[in-house]
Structures are given as structure tokens and as C-alpha cells.
Amino acid sequence: MLPGLIERRSHDYVRHGTTTLFAALAFAALEIATGKVTAGLKPRHRNQEFLAFLKQIERAYRYVVEDDGEPVELHLVMDNYAAHKHKNVRDWLADNPRFVVHVTPTRASWMNLIEVWFSLIERQAIHRGVYGSVKDLNTKIRTYIDSWNDRAHPFAWTKTADQIPKHTKRNGTSNAGH
């Protein structure tokens, strides 16, 4: 590959399937204090898979408690994806009050810190990779997650709390103003 030239795929490029990465802050959970990730790799992105991921998070943090012995609150920052709003998920969350849900506004996924991590895994592990199967792709993702957790560190926001609301209230490009 030469600099400045677009990478091409051959005419016989075959896509061997897809996978959905669930992370606790998209199907991955990001522990804000440490940067560690709890992730679930699922074949689909439906409410059933998301609910299984929520249960995985609950198990992973079941014994994490405050100084007074009370279980810590687990804050979920989620987008408006239909699986996140399904009745089964809403009912489970109602039965598990330690999960506190925050929903990002439409077109504001950048406010969800897990999106930063998704960008990193895509650029550092997945992009331009060639995988002969979904199993190969899942192995690559799981290897990256394990490696990430070995060297995890918290993310730091580069904008102040006052700067962020100004960014969210700007006019979109679809509003021509005439």
C-alpha cells in the first residue's frame, strides 16, 4: 500500500459474517474509574442479547459495595437503540434499581465515553483486518479487550462541563435557516 492511494478490495472479497460488541457504556461496560472494560460478544443486537449483557454486568459488579456496605450504583449511558428500550429490558431495570440509566440525546453518541473506546478498538485492532470467520473476528476483539484491561487507565475529558452544553445546542447542518 502506497501513501496517498486508496486501499482496494479484490473482486472476490467475501464477508464472513458480523458480530455485535456490547460494551457497559454499547454492549461493553467501561468502568470510568479504572478504564477497564466488561464486554459481551453476541451474534445479534436484540433485546435478548442486551438483557444477557446487563446480567453479565450485574454478576461482574455484584459484590462491589460502598463503604457502608450498600451496593454501588451502576450508571448506564445508552443511546436510543430499540433493544435498550424494549419492555423486557425496562422491566429488568425496574427490578434492579442499582442500575441508573442515562440516555444520550439523538445524534449525541459522542457524549458516551464508550464511543471513545469503540473508536480505539476499531482503529487499533479491527480496521483493515482480514478475518476468515466471525470466530476469528471475535478472537481478535477478545484479545484486544484482555490486552486493554491489562493496561487500562481512566479517560480524561478535554472539554469542561461549561463547554459541552454549548456544543450540544449548536444548529445542525440540516437547518438551512430559510
N, C-alpha and C. Protein backbone atom coordinates (compact mmCIF):
# COMPACT_ATOMS: atom_id res chain seq x y z
N MET A 1 0.84 -1.18 0.00
CA MET A 1 0.00 0.00 0.00
C MET A 1 0.88 1.24 0.00
N LEU A 2 0.69 2.10 -0.98
CA LEU A 2 1.47 3.32 -1.08
C LEU A 2 0.75 4.48 -0.43
N PRO A 3 1.49 5.39 0.18
CA PRO A 3 0.84 6.56 0.79
C PRO A 3 0.05 7.35 -0.25
N GLY A 4 -1.14 7.80 0.14
CA GLY A 4 -1.97 8.60 -0.75
C GLY A 4 -2.89 7.80 -1.65
N LEU A 5 -2.72 6.49 -1.69
CA LEU A 5 -3.59 5.66 -2.53
C LEU A 5 -4.64 4.97 -1.67
N ILE A 6 -5.82 4.84 -2.22
CA ILE A 6 -6.93 4.21 -1.51
C ILE A 6 -6.74 2.70 -1.52
N GLU A 7 -6.96 2.07 -0.36
CA GLU A 7 -6.89 0.62 -0.30
C GLU A 7 -8.09 0.05 -1.03
N ARG A 8 -7.86 -1.01 -1.78
CA ARG A 8 -8.93 -1.62 -2.57
C ARG A 8 -9.15 -3.06 -2.12
N ARG A 9 -10.32 -3.56 -2.37
CA ARG A 9 -10.63 -4.97 -2.15
C ARG A 9 -10.72 -5.64 -3.51
N SER A 10 -10.35 -6.88 -3.58
CA SER A 10 -10.43 -7.59 -4.85
C SER A 10 -11.88 -7.93 -5.17
N HIS A 11 -12.12 -8.31 -6.39
CA HIS A 11 -13.48 -8.64 -6.83
C HIS A 11 -14.04 -9.85 -6.10
N ASP A 12 -13.21 -10.67 -5.52
CA ASP A 12 -13.67 -11.88 -4.86
C ASP A 12 -13.69 -11.75 -3.34
N TYR A 13 -13.71 -10.50 -2.83
CA TYR A 13 -13.78 -10.26 -1.39
C TYR A 13 -15.05 -10.90 -0.85
N VAL A 14 -14.92 -11.66 0.23
CA VAL A 14 -16.05 -12.34 0.83
C VAL A 14 -16.20 -11.89 2.27
N ARG A 15 -17.38 -11.48 2.63
CA ARG A 15 -17.65 -11.11 4.01
C ARG A 15 -18.08 -12.38 4.73
N HIS A 16 -17.43 -12.72 5.83
CA HIS A 16 -17.67 -13.97 6.52
C HIS A 16 -18.63 -13.85 7.70
N GLY A 17 -19.36 -12.74 7.78
CA GLY A 17 -20.31 -12.55 8.87
C GLY A 17 -19.97 -11.34 9.71
N THR A 18 -20.80 -11.08 10.69
CA THR A 18 -20.59 -9.94 11.57
C THR A 18 -20.76 -10.39 13.01
N THR A 19 -20.40 -9.51 13.91
CA THR A 19 -20.63 -9.75 15.32
C THR A 19 -21.05 -8.43 15.93
N THR A 20 -21.71 -8.48 17.05
CA THR A 20 -22.09 -7.28 17.77
C THR A 20 -21.29 -7.24 19.06
N LEU A 21 -20.61 -6.12 19.27
CA LEU A 21 -19.86 -5.93 20.50
C LEU A 21 -20.71 -5.11 21.44
N PHE A 22 -21.05 -5.70 22.56
CA PHE A 22 -21.80 -4.99 23.59
C PHE A 22 -20.81 -4.55 24.65
N ALA A 23 -20.77 -3.29 24.96
CA ALA A 23 -19.86 -2.79 25.97
C ALA A 23 -20.61 -1.92 26.97
N ALA A 24 -20.41 -2.01 28.69
CA ALA A 24 -21.27 -1.17 29.57
C ALA A 24 -20.71 0.19 29.69
N LEU A 25 -20.78 0.87 28.76
CA LEU A 25 -21.19 2.21 28.35
C LEU A 25 -21.41 2.17 26.88
N ALA A 26 -22.43 0.27 25.11
CA ALA A 26 -22.95 -0.03 23.81
C ALA A 26 -23.02 -1.49 23.62
N PHE A 27 -22.47 -2.89 23.71
CA PHE A 27 -22.51 -3.98 24.63
C PHE A 27 -21.11 -4.06 25.22
N ALA A 28 -20.67 -3.00 25.81
CA ALA A 28 -19.42 -3.03 26.57
C ALA A 28 -19.62 -2.12 27.76
N ALA A 29 -19.05 -2.49 28.84
CA ALA A 29 -19.15 -1.67 30.04
C ALA A 29 -17.78 -1.09 30.31
N LEU A 30 -17.73 0.20 30.51
CA LEU A 30 -16.48 0.88 30.78
C LEU A 30 -16.51 1.38 32.21
N GLU A 31 -15.60 0.85 33.01
CA GLU A 31 -15.51 1.30 34.40
C GLU A 31 -14.74 2.62 34.40
N ILE A 32 -15.44 3.69 34.64
CA ILE A 32 -14.88 5.04 34.50
C ILE A 32 -13.63 5.24 35.35
N ALA A 33 -13.62 4.75 36.57
CA ALA A 33 -12.51 4.99 37.49
C ALA A 33 -11.21 4.32 37.06
N THR A 34 -11.31 3.18 36.38
CA THR A 34 -10.11 2.43 36.03
C THR A 34 -9.86 2.32 34.53
N GLY A 35 -10.92 2.47 33.72
CA GLY A 35 -10.81 2.28 32.28
C GLY A 35 -10.98 0.84 31.85
N LYS A 36 -11.23 -0.07 32.80
CA LYS A 36 -11.42 -1.48 32.46
C LYS A 36 -12.76 -1.67 31.73
N VAL A 37 -12.79 -2.66 30.84
CA VAL A 37 -13.96 -2.91 30.01
C VAL A 37 -14.51 -4.31 30.29
N THR A 38 -15.82 -4.38 30.47
CA THR A 38 -16.54 -5.65 30.51
C THR A 38 -17.31 -5.71 29.21
N ALA A 39 -17.12 -6.75 28.43
CA ALA A 39 -17.74 -6.79 27.11
C ALA A 39 -18.42 -8.12 26.86
N GLY A 40 -19.43 -8.07 26.00
CA GLY A 40 -20.12 -9.27 25.58
C GLY A 40 -20.17 -9.31 24.06
N LEU A 41 -19.72 -10.41 23.47
CA LEU A 41 -19.78 -10.57 22.03
C LEU A 41 -20.97 -11.45 21.70
N LYS A 42 -21.89 -10.90 20.96
CA LYS A 42 -23.13 -11.60 20.65
C LYS A 42 -23.36 -11.62 19.14
N PRO A 43 -24.06 -12.64 18.64
CA PRO A 43 -24.29 -12.72 17.19
C PRO A 43 -25.31 -11.69 16.68
N ARG A 44 -26.15 -11.18 17.58
CA ARG A 44 -27.17 -10.21 17.17
C ARG A 44 -27.27 -9.12 18.22
N HIS A 45 -28.02 -8.07 17.90
CA HIS A 45 -28.16 -6.91 18.81
C HIS A 45 -29.65 -6.70 19.09
N ARG A 46 -30.23 -7.68 19.73
CA ARG A 46 -31.65 -7.60 20.09
C ARG A 46 -31.77 -7.42 21.60
N ASN A 47 -33.00 -7.25 22.07
CA ASN A 47 -33.21 -7.06 23.50
C ASN A 47 -32.74 -8.26 24.31
N GLN A 48 -32.86 -9.48 23.77
CA GLN A 48 -32.44 -10.68 24.49
C GLN A 48 -30.93 -10.63 24.77
N GLU A 49 -30.16 -10.26 23.75
CA GLU A 49 -28.71 -10.19 23.92
C GLU A 49 -28.33 -9.05 24.86
N PHE A 50 -29.02 -7.93 24.74
CA PHE A 50 -28.71 -6.80 25.61
C PHE A 50 -29.05 -7.14 27.06
N LEU A 51 -30.16 -7.82 27.27
CA LEU A 51 -30.54 -8.24 28.61
C LEU A 51 -29.51 -9.21 29.19
N ALA A 52 -29.02 -10.13 28.39
CA ALA A 52 -27.97 -11.05 28.84
C ALA A 52 -26.71 -10.27 29.22
N PHE A 53 -26.42 -9.22 28.48
CA PHE A 53 -25.26 -8.39 28.80
C PHE A 53 -25.47 -7.64 30.11
N LEU A 54 -26.66 -7.11 30.34
CA LEU A 54 -26.94 -6.44 31.61
C LEU A 54 -26.74 -7.41 32.78
N LYS A 55 -27.18 -8.64 32.61
CA LYS A 55 -26.99 -9.65 33.66
C LYS A 55 -25.51 -9.96 33.86
N GLN A 56 -24.74 -9.94 32.77
CA GLN A 56 -23.29 -10.14 32.87
C GLN A 56 -22.67 -9.01 33.70
N ILE A 57 -23.09 -7.78 33.47
CA ILE A 57 -22.58 -6.64 34.26
C ILE A 57 -22.97 -6.80 35.72
N GLU A 58 -24.22 -7.20 35.95
CA GLU A 58 -24.69 -7.37 37.33
C GLU A 58 -23.82 -8.39 38.05
N ARG A 59 -23.50 -9.51 37.39
CA ARG A 59 -22.65 -10.53 38.01
C ARG A 59 -21.24 -10.00 38.26
N ALA A 60 -20.71 -9.23 37.30
CA ALA A 60 -19.34 -8.73 37.42
C ALA A 60 -19.20 -7.73 38.57
N TYR A 61 -20.27 -7.00 38.88
CA TYR A 61 -20.20 -5.96 39.91
C TYR A 61 -21.10 -6.26 41.11
N ARG A 62 -21.52 -7.51 41.24
CA ARG A 62 -22.45 -7.91 42.30
C ARG A 62 -21.92 -7.59 43.69
N TYR A 63 -20.63 -7.78 43.91
CA TYR A 63 -20.08 -7.62 45.25
C TYR A 63 -19.32 -6.32 45.45
N VAL A 64 -19.48 -5.39 44.52
CA VAL A 64 -18.86 -4.08 44.68
C VAL A 64 -19.81 -3.24 45.51
N VAL A 65 -19.32 -2.80 46.69
CA VAL A 65 -20.18 -2.09 47.63
C VAL A 65 -19.54 -0.78 48.08
N GLU A 66 -20.39 0.11 48.58
CA GLU A 66 -19.93 1.37 49.18
C GLU A 66 -19.31 1.08 50.54
N ASP A 67 -18.74 2.10 51.15
CA ASP A 67 -18.14 1.95 52.49
C ASP A 67 -19.16 1.50 53.52
N ASP A 68 -20.44 1.87 53.32
CA ASP A 68 -21.47 1.49 54.29
C ASP A 68 -22.06 0.11 54.01
N GLY A 69 -21.50 -0.61 53.01
CA GLY A 69 -21.98 -1.95 52.70
C GLY A 69 -23.08 -2.02 51.66
N GLU A 70 -23.59 -0.87 51.24
CA GLU A 70 -24.63 -0.84 50.21
C GLU A 70 -24.00 -1.07 48.83
N PRO A 71 -24.72 -1.77 47.94
CA PRO A 71 -24.18 -1.97 46.58
C PRO A 71 -24.02 -0.63 45.87
N VAL A 72 -22.95 -0.48 45.10
CA VAL A 72 -22.74 0.76 44.36
C VAL A 72 -23.77 0.86 43.24
N GLU A 73 -24.12 2.09 42.89
CA GLU A 73 -24.99 2.31 41.73
C GLU A 73 -24.16 2.07 40.47
N LEU A 74 -24.78 1.47 39.49
CA LEU A 74 -24.14 1.23 38.20
C LEU A 74 -24.84 2.13 37.18
N HIS A 75 -24.14 3.11 36.68
CA HIS A 75 -24.73 4.07 35.75
C HIS A 75 -24.52 3.60 34.32
N LEU A 76 -25.62 3.44 33.60
CA LEU A 76 -25.59 3.02 32.21
C LEU A 76 -25.85 4.24 31.34
N VAL A 77 -24.95 4.52 30.43
CA VAL A 77 -25.15 5.58 29.46
C VAL A 77 -25.43 4.88 28.14
N MET A 78 -26.65 5.05 27.64
CA MET A 78 -27.08 4.30 26.46
C MET A 78 -27.62 5.24 25.40
N ASP A 79 -27.60 4.76 24.15
CA ASP A 79 -28.22 5.51 23.08
C ASP A 79 -29.68 5.08 22.96
N ASN A 80 -30.35 5.58 21.95
CA ASN A 80 -31.79 5.32 21.78
C ASN A 80 -32.08 4.07 20.97
N TYR A 81 -31.18 3.12 20.95
CA TYR A 81 -31.37 1.89 20.19
C TYR A 81 -32.59 1.14 20.72
N ALA A 82 -33.37 0.56 19.85
CA ALA A 82 -34.63 -0.09 20.23
C ALA A 82 -34.43 -1.19 21.27
N ALA A 83 -33.35 -1.96 21.17
CA ALA A 83 -33.11 -3.05 22.13
C ALA A 83 -32.96 -2.51 23.54
N HIS A 84 -32.45 -1.29 23.68
CA HIS A 84 -32.25 -0.69 25.00
C HIS A 84 -33.57 -0.25 25.63
N LYS A 85 -34.61 -0.06 24.80
CA LYS A 85 -35.89 0.46 25.30
C LYS A 85 -36.98 -0.61 25.34
N HIS A 86 -36.64 -1.84 24.99
CA HIS A 86 -37.62 -2.92 24.93
C HIS A 86 -38.24 -3.16 26.31
N LYS A 87 -39.48 -3.61 26.33
CA LYS A 87 -40.19 -3.85 27.58
C LYS A 87 -39.44 -4.82 28.50
N ASN A 88 -38.86 -5.88 27.94
CA ASN A 88 -38.11 -6.83 28.77
C ASN A 88 -36.95 -6.14 29.48
N VAL A 89 -36.27 -5.26 28.79
CA VAL A 89 -35.14 -4.54 29.37
C VAL A 89 -35.65 -3.55 30.42
N ARG A 90 -36.71 -2.81 30.08
CA ARG A 90 -37.27 -1.85 31.06
C ARG A 90 -37.73 -2.55 32.32
N ASP A 91 -38.38 -3.70 32.17
CA ASP A 91 -38.85 -4.46 33.34
C ASP A 91 -37.67 -4.94 34.19
N TRP A 92 -36.62 -5.44 33.54
CA TRP A 92 -35.45 -5.93 34.28
C TRP A 92 -34.79 -4.77 35.03
N LEU A 93 -34.65 -3.63 34.37
CA LEU A 93 -34.04 -2.47 35.01
C LEU A 93 -34.88 -1.99 36.19
N ALA A 94 -36.20 -2.07 36.07
CA ALA A 94 -37.08 -1.67 37.18
C ALA A 94 -36.88 -2.61 38.38
N ASP A 95 -36.60 -3.86 38.11
CA ASP A 95 -36.36 -4.84 39.19
C ASP A 95 -34.93 -4.77 39.74
N ASN A 96 -34.07 -4.00 39.11
CA ASN A 96 -32.67 -3.87 39.53
C ASN A 96 -32.33 -2.40 39.68
N PRO A 97 -32.79 -1.79 40.77
CA PRO A 97 -32.67 -0.34 40.92
C PRO A 97 -31.24 0.18 41.08
N ARG A 98 -30.26 -0.68 41.29
CA ARG A 98 -28.88 -0.17 41.37
C ARG A 98 -28.38 0.28 40.01
N PHE A 99 -29.07 -0.13 38.93
CA PHE A 99 -28.74 0.33 37.58
C PHE A 99 -29.47 1.65 37.33
N VAL A 100 -28.70 2.69 37.11
CA VAL A 100 -29.26 4.02 36.84
C VAL A 100 -29.01 4.31 35.36
N VAL A 101 -30.08 4.56 34.63
CA VAL A 101 -29.98 4.71 33.18
C VAL A 101 -29.92 6.19 32.80
N HIS A 102 -29.00 6.50 31.90
CA HIS A 102 -28.89 7.82 31.28
C HIS A 102 -28.93 7.58 29.78
N VAL A 103 -29.79 8.28 29.07
CA VAL A 103 -29.92 8.10 27.63
C VAL A 103 -29.35 9.33 26.94
N THR A 104 -28.44 9.10 26.00
CA THR A 104 -27.87 10.21 25.26
C THR A 104 -28.89 10.74 24.27
N PRO A 105 -28.88 12.04 24.02
CA PRO A 105 -29.80 12.59 23.02
C PRO A 105 -29.47 12.02 21.63
N THR A 106 -30.44 12.06 20.75
CA THR A 106 -30.22 11.61 19.38
C THR A 106 -29.06 12.39 18.78
N ARG A 107 -28.22 11.70 18.04
CA ARG A 107 -27.03 12.26 17.39
C ARG A 107 -26.02 12.81 18.39
N ALA A 108 -26.00 12.29 19.60
CA ALA A 108 -25.03 12.75 20.59
C ALA A 108 -24.26 11.59 21.19
N SER A 109 -23.99 10.58 20.37
CA SER A 109 -23.27 9.42 20.89
C SER A 109 -21.88 9.81 21.39
N TRP A 110 -21.35 10.92 20.88
CA TRP A 110 -20.02 11.39 21.33
C TRP A 110 -20.01 11.67 22.83
N MET A 111 -21.19 11.86 23.43
CA MET A 111 -21.26 12.12 24.86
C MET A 111 -21.05 10.85 25.68
N ASN A 112 -21.11 9.70 25.04
CA ASN A 112 -20.96 8.43 25.71
C ASN A 112 -19.49 8.01 25.62
N LEU A 113 -18.82 7.92 26.74
CA LEU A 113 -17.39 7.65 26.76
C LEU A 113 -17.02 6.31 26.12
N ILE A 114 -17.94 5.36 26.11
CA ILE A 114 -17.62 4.08 25.49
C ILE A 114 -17.37 4.24 24.00
N GLU A 115 -17.94 5.27 23.39
CA GLU A 115 -17.72 5.51 21.96
C GLU A 115 -16.25 5.83 21.69
N VAL A 116 -15.58 6.47 22.64
CA VAL A 116 -14.14 6.72 22.50
C VAL A 116 -13.42 5.38 22.47
N TRP A 117 -13.79 4.49 23.37
CA TRP A 117 -13.16 3.19 23.42
C TRP A 117 -13.46 2.38 22.16
N PHE A 118 -14.71 2.45 21.66
CA PHE A 118 -15.06 1.76 20.41
C PHE A 118 -14.19 2.27 19.26
N SER A 119 -13.94 3.56 19.24
CA SER A 119 -13.09 4.13 18.21
C SER A 119 -11.67 3.56 18.30
N LEU A 120 -11.18 3.43 19.52
CA LEU A 120 -9.83 2.88 19.72
C LEU A 120 -9.74 1.43 19.25
N ILE A 121 -10.69 0.60 19.63
CA ILE A 121 -10.62 -0.81 19.23
C ILE A 121 -10.77 -0.95 17.72
N GLU A 122 -11.59 -0.10 17.14
CA GLU A 122 -11.77 -0.17 15.68
C GLU A 122 -10.46 0.20 14.98
N ARG A 123 -9.82 1.28 15.39
CA ARG A 123 -8.59 1.74 14.75
C ARG A 123 -7.39 0.84 15.06
N GLN A 124 -7.31 0.35 16.29
CA GLN A 124 -6.12 -0.38 16.71
C GLN A 124 -6.20 -1.89 16.47
N ALA A 125 -7.39 -2.44 16.32
CA ALA A 125 -7.48 -3.89 16.22
C ALA A 125 -8.30 -4.41 15.04
N ILE A 126 -9.34 -3.70 14.64
CA ILE A 126 -10.28 -4.26 13.68
C ILE A 126 -10.09 -3.74 12.26
N HIS A 127 -9.87 -2.43 12.11
CA HIS A 127 -9.82 -1.78 10.81
C HIS A 127 -8.83 -2.46 9.86
N ARG A 128 -9.27 -2.71 8.67
CA ARG A 128 -8.49 -3.32 7.60
C ARG A 128 -8.02 -4.74 7.90
N GLY A 129 -8.58 -5.34 8.94
CA GLY A 129 -8.24 -6.71 9.25
C GLY A 129 -8.93 -7.67 8.31
N VAL A 130 -8.37 -8.81 8.13
CA VAL A 130 -8.96 -9.85 7.31
C VAL A 130 -9.26 -11.03 8.23
N TYR A 131 -10.53 -11.39 8.32
CA TYR A 131 -10.96 -12.44 9.23
C TYR A 131 -11.70 -13.49 8.43
N GLY A 132 -11.29 -14.72 8.57
CA GLY A 132 -11.90 -15.81 7.80
C GLY A 132 -13.24 -16.26 8.34
N SER A 133 -13.57 -15.80 9.56
CA SER A 133 -14.85 -16.18 10.16
C SER A 133 -15.18 -15.21 11.27
N VAL A 134 -16.41 -15.26 11.74
CA VAL A 134 -16.82 -14.45 12.88
C VAL A 134 -16.02 -14.88 14.11
N LYS A 135 -15.73 -16.18 14.21
CA LYS A 135 -14.93 -16.67 15.34
C LYS A 135 -13.56 -15.99 15.36
N ASP A 136 -12.93 -15.83 14.18
CA ASP A 136 -11.63 -15.14 14.09
C ASP A 136 -11.75 -13.69 14.54
N LEU A 137 -12.81 -13.02 14.09
CA LEU A 137 -13.05 -11.63 14.48
C LEU A 137 -13.27 -11.53 15.99
N ASN A 138 -14.10 -12.42 16.53
CA ASN A 138 -14.35 -12.41 17.98
C ASN A 138 -13.06 -12.65 18.77
N THR A 139 -12.21 -13.54 18.28
CA THR A 139 -10.93 -13.81 18.94
C THR A 139 -10.07 -12.56 18.96
N LYS A 140 -10.02 -11.85 17.84
CA LYS A 140 -9.24 -10.61 17.76
C LYS A 140 -9.78 -9.57 18.74
N ILE A 141 -11.10 -9.42 18.81
CA ILE A 141 -11.72 -8.46 19.72
C ILE A 141 -11.45 -8.85 21.17
N ARG A 142 -11.64 -10.11 21.50
CA ARG A 142 -11.43 -10.57 22.87
C ARG A 142 -9.96 -10.38 23.28
N THR A 143 -9.02 -10.66 22.37
CA THR A 143 -7.60 -10.46 22.65
C THR A 143 -7.32 -8.99 22.94
N TYR A 144 -7.92 -8.11 22.14
CA TYR A 144 -7.72 -6.67 22.36
C TYR A 144 -8.28 -6.25 23.72
N ILE A 145 -9.47 -6.73 24.06
CA ILE A 145 -10.09 -6.37 25.34
C ILE A 145 -9.21 -6.84 26.50
N ASP A 146 -8.73 -8.08 26.43
CA ASP A 146 -7.87 -8.59 27.50
C ASP A 146 -6.60 -7.76 27.63
N SER A 147 -6.00 -7.42 26.49
CA SER A 147 -4.80 -6.60 26.49
C SER A 147 -5.10 -5.20 27.04
N TRP A 148 -6.23 -4.64 26.61
CA TRP A 148 -6.65 -3.31 27.11
C TRP A 148 -6.76 -3.33 28.63
N ASN A 149 -7.44 -4.33 29.16
CA ASN A 149 -7.66 -4.39 30.61
C ASN A 149 -6.36 -4.56 31.38
N ASP A 150 -5.35 -5.18 30.76
CA ASP A 150 -4.05 -5.31 31.42
C ASP A 150 -3.35 -3.95 31.60
N ARG A 151 -3.66 -3.01 30.72
CA ARG A 151 -3.02 -1.70 30.78
C ARG A 151 -4.04 -0.56 30.90
N ALA A 152 -5.23 -0.88 31.38
CA ALA A 152 -6.34 0.09 31.44
C ALA A 152 -5.97 1.33 32.23
N HIS A 153 -6.56 2.43 31.82
CA HIS A 153 -6.41 3.71 32.50
C HIS A 153 -7.67 4.52 32.28
N PRO A 154 -8.01 5.39 33.21
CA PRO A 154 -9.21 6.20 33.02
C PRO A 154 -9.02 7.21 31.90
N PHE A 155 -10.11 7.52 31.21
CA PHE A 155 -10.11 8.55 30.19
C PHE A 155 -10.28 9.91 30.86
N ALA A 156 -9.78 10.93 30.22
CA ALA A 156 -9.94 12.29 30.73
C ALA A 156 -10.65 13.13 29.67
N TRP A 157 -11.70 13.82 30.07
CA TRP A 157 -12.40 14.72 29.16
C TRP A 157 -11.49 15.89 28.84
N THR A 158 -11.55 16.37 27.61
CA THR A 158 -10.74 17.52 27.22
C THR A 158 -11.55 18.81 27.21
N LYS A 159 -12.86 18.70 27.35
CA LYS A 159 -13.71 19.88 27.43
C LYS A 159 -14.24 20.02 28.85
N THR A 160 -14.48 21.25 29.25
CA THR A 160 -15.04 21.50 30.57
C THR A 160 -16.54 21.26 30.55
N ALA A 161 -17.12 21.18 31.71
CA ALA A 161 -18.57 20.99 31.81
C ALA A 161 -19.31 22.18 31.19
N ASP A 162 -18.72 23.37 31.21
CA ASP A 162 -19.36 24.54 30.59
C ASP A 162 -19.28 24.51 29.07
N GLN A 163 -18.24 23.92 28.52
CA GLN A 163 -18.06 23.87 27.07
C GLN A 163 -18.99 22.85 26.41
N ILE A 164 -19.30 21.77 27.08
CA ILE A 164 -20.09 20.70 26.48
C ILE A 164 -21.50 21.15 26.11
N PRO A 165 -22.28 21.81 26.99
CA PRO A 165 -23.63 22.21 26.59
C PRO A 165 -23.63 23.16 25.40
N LYS A 166 -22.63 24.01 25.26
CA LYS A 166 -22.56 24.92 24.11
C LYS A 166 -22.48 24.12 22.82
N HIS A 167 -21.73 23.03 22.85
CA HIS A 167 -21.57 22.18 21.68
C HIS A 167 -22.88 21.48 21.32
N THR A 168 -23.64 21.07 22.31
CA THR A 168 -24.86 20.31 22.04
C THR A 168 -25.99 21.20 21.53
N LYS A 169 -25.93 22.51 21.75
CA LYS A 169 -27.00 23.40 21.34
C LYS A 169 -26.76 24.09 20.01
N ARG A 170 -25.66 23.73 19.33
CA ARG A 170 -25.39 24.39 18.05
C ARG A 170 -26.41 23.96 17.01
N ASN A 171 -26.60 24.78 15.98
CA ASN A 171 -27.54 24.46 14.92
C ASN A 171 -26.96 23.33 14.07
N GLY A 172 -27.82 22.40 13.70
CA GLY A 172 -27.39 21.32 12.82
C GLY A 172 -27.30 21.78 11.37
N THR A 173 -26.62 21.04 10.55
CA THR A 173 -26.46 21.42 9.16
C THR A 173 -27.73 21.26 8.36
N SER A 174 -28.70 20.49 8.85
CA SER A 174 -29.94 20.30 8.12
C SER A 174 -30.86 21.50 8.23
N ASN A 175 -30.58 22.43 9.14
CA ASN A 175 -31.41 23.62 9.28
C ASN A 175 -30.77 24.75 8.49
N ALA A 176 -31.25 24.96 7.27
CA ALA A 176 -30.67 25.97 6.38
C ALA A 176 -31.02 27.38 6.80
N GLY A 177 -32.03 27.55 7.65
CA GLY A 177 -32.39 28.86 8.16
C GLY A 177 -33.14 29.74 7.16
N HIS A 178 -33.75 29.14 6.16
CA HIS A 178 -34.54 29.96 5.22
C HIS A 178 -35.87 29.34 4.94
